[in-house]
């Protein structure tokens, strides 16, 4: 997980994790029923649906909540007092 306060572009998170797992854009695309060019567009900031993001997270073994927090789409707050 990214340190609190840091945010990464959604595409960067996907690209970094894909590279950590030594998966090519072509392999990720095949697992998702997409072309490698689609994966490149996603990694470079193309908007994607929550459904596709969930599928990508599953293939890359990422927690969807972590992705959304790390990318700044939602904030991590504590209810503790």
Protein backbone atom coordinates (compact mmCIF):
# COMPACT_ATOMS: atom_id res chain seq x y z
CA UNK A 1 0.00 0.00 0.00
CA UNK A 2 1.16 3.52 -0.76
CA UNK A 3 2.06 5.69 2.22
CA UNK A 4 -0.80 7.80 3.51
CA UNK A 5 -0.83 11.16 1.80
CA UNK A 6 0.69 9.87 -1.44
CA UNK A 7 -1.58 9.31 -4.38
CA UNK A 8 -0.79 7.69 -7.66
CA UNK A 9 -2.52 7.88 -10.95
CA UNK A 10 -4.78 4.86 -11.42
CA UNK A 11 -2.87 3.87 -14.55
CA UNK A 12 0.44 4.07 -12.68
CA UNK A 13 -0.86 1.73 -10.00
CA UNK A 14 -1.96 -0.79 -12.61
CA UNK A 15 1.30 -0.50 -14.57
CA UNK A 16 3.50 -0.79 -11.47
CA UNK A 17 1.67 -3.87 -10.19
CA UNK A 18 1.67 -5.49 -13.64
CA UNK A 19 5.43 -5.01 -13.83
CA UNK A 20 5.92 -6.28 -10.26
CA UNK A 21 4.16 -9.49 -11.29
CA UNK A 22 6.16 -9.70 -14.54
CA UNK A 23 3.02 -9.66 -16.66
CA UNK A 24 3.15 -8.09 -20.11
CA UNK A 25 0.44 -5.80 -21.41
CA UNK A 26 -0.41 -8.53 -23.91
CA UNK A 27 -0.80 -11.15 -21.14
CA UNK A 28 -2.95 -8.86 -19.01
CA UNK A 29 -5.06 -7.97 -22.01
CA UNK A 30 -5.55 -11.62 -22.87
CA UNK A 31 -6.64 -12.41 -19.29
CA UNK A 32 -9.22 -9.61 -19.54
CA UNK A 33 -10.35 -10.16 -23.12
CA UNK A 34 -8.69 -6.91 -24.25
CA UNK A 35 -5.89 -5.94 -26.60
CA UNK A 36 -2.49 -4.88 -25.30
CA UNK A 37 -3.21 -1.46 -26.80
CA UNK A 38 -6.25 -1.21 -24.49
CA UNK A 39 -4.02 -1.94 -21.49
CA UNK A 40 -1.59 0.74 -22.65
CA UNK A 41 -4.42 3.27 -22.89
CA UNK A 42 -5.61 2.36 -19.38
CA UNK A 43 -2.09 2.72 -18.01
CA UNK A 44 -1.85 6.13 -19.65
CA UNK A 45 -5.02 7.45 -18.05
CA UNK A 46 -7.99 6.26 -20.11
CA UNK A 47 -11.12 6.14 -17.97
CA UNK A 48 -12.35 2.66 -17.17
CA UNK A 49 -15.47 1.23 -15.58
CA UNK A 50 -15.55 -0.02 -12.02
CA UNK A 51 -16.33 -3.47 -13.43
CA UNK A 52 -13.13 -3.47 -15.51
CA UNK A 53 -11.11 -2.06 -12.61
CA UNK A 54 -12.42 -4.90 -10.43
CA UNK A 55 -11.36 -7.44 -13.07
CA UNK A 56 -7.91 -5.90 -13.37
CA UNK A 57 -7.53 -5.89 -9.58
CA UNK A 58 -8.45 -9.57 -9.48
CA UNK A 59 -5.91 -10.55 -12.14
CA UNK A 60 -3.18 -8.45 -10.51
CA UNK A 61 -4.13 -9.63 -7.01
CA UNK A 62 -4.83 -6.13 -5.74
CA UNK A 63 -7.48 -5.00 -3.29
CA UNK A 64 -9.95 -2.71 -5.06
CA UNK A 65 -10.27 -0.49 -1.99
CA UNK A 66 -6.49 0.00 -1.83
CA UNK A 67 -6.46 1.00 -5.51
CA UNK A 68 -9.24 3.55 -5.01
CA UNK A 69 -7.59 5.02 -1.91
CA UNK A 70 -4.09 5.07 -3.41
CA UNK A 71 -5.34 6.77 -6.57
CA UNK A 72 -7.21 9.41 -4.58
CA UNK A 73 -10.69 8.44 -5.77
CA UNK A 74 -11.80 7.87 -2.19
CA UNK A 75 -10.22 8.89 1.09
CA UNK A 76 -9.19 6.58 3.87
CA UNK A 77 -10.68 7.85 7.08
CA UNK A 78 -10.80 6.35 10.51
CA UNK A 79 -13.92 6.28 12.66
CA UNK A 80 -11.82 5.83 15.79
CA UNK A 81 -11.97 8.55 18.43
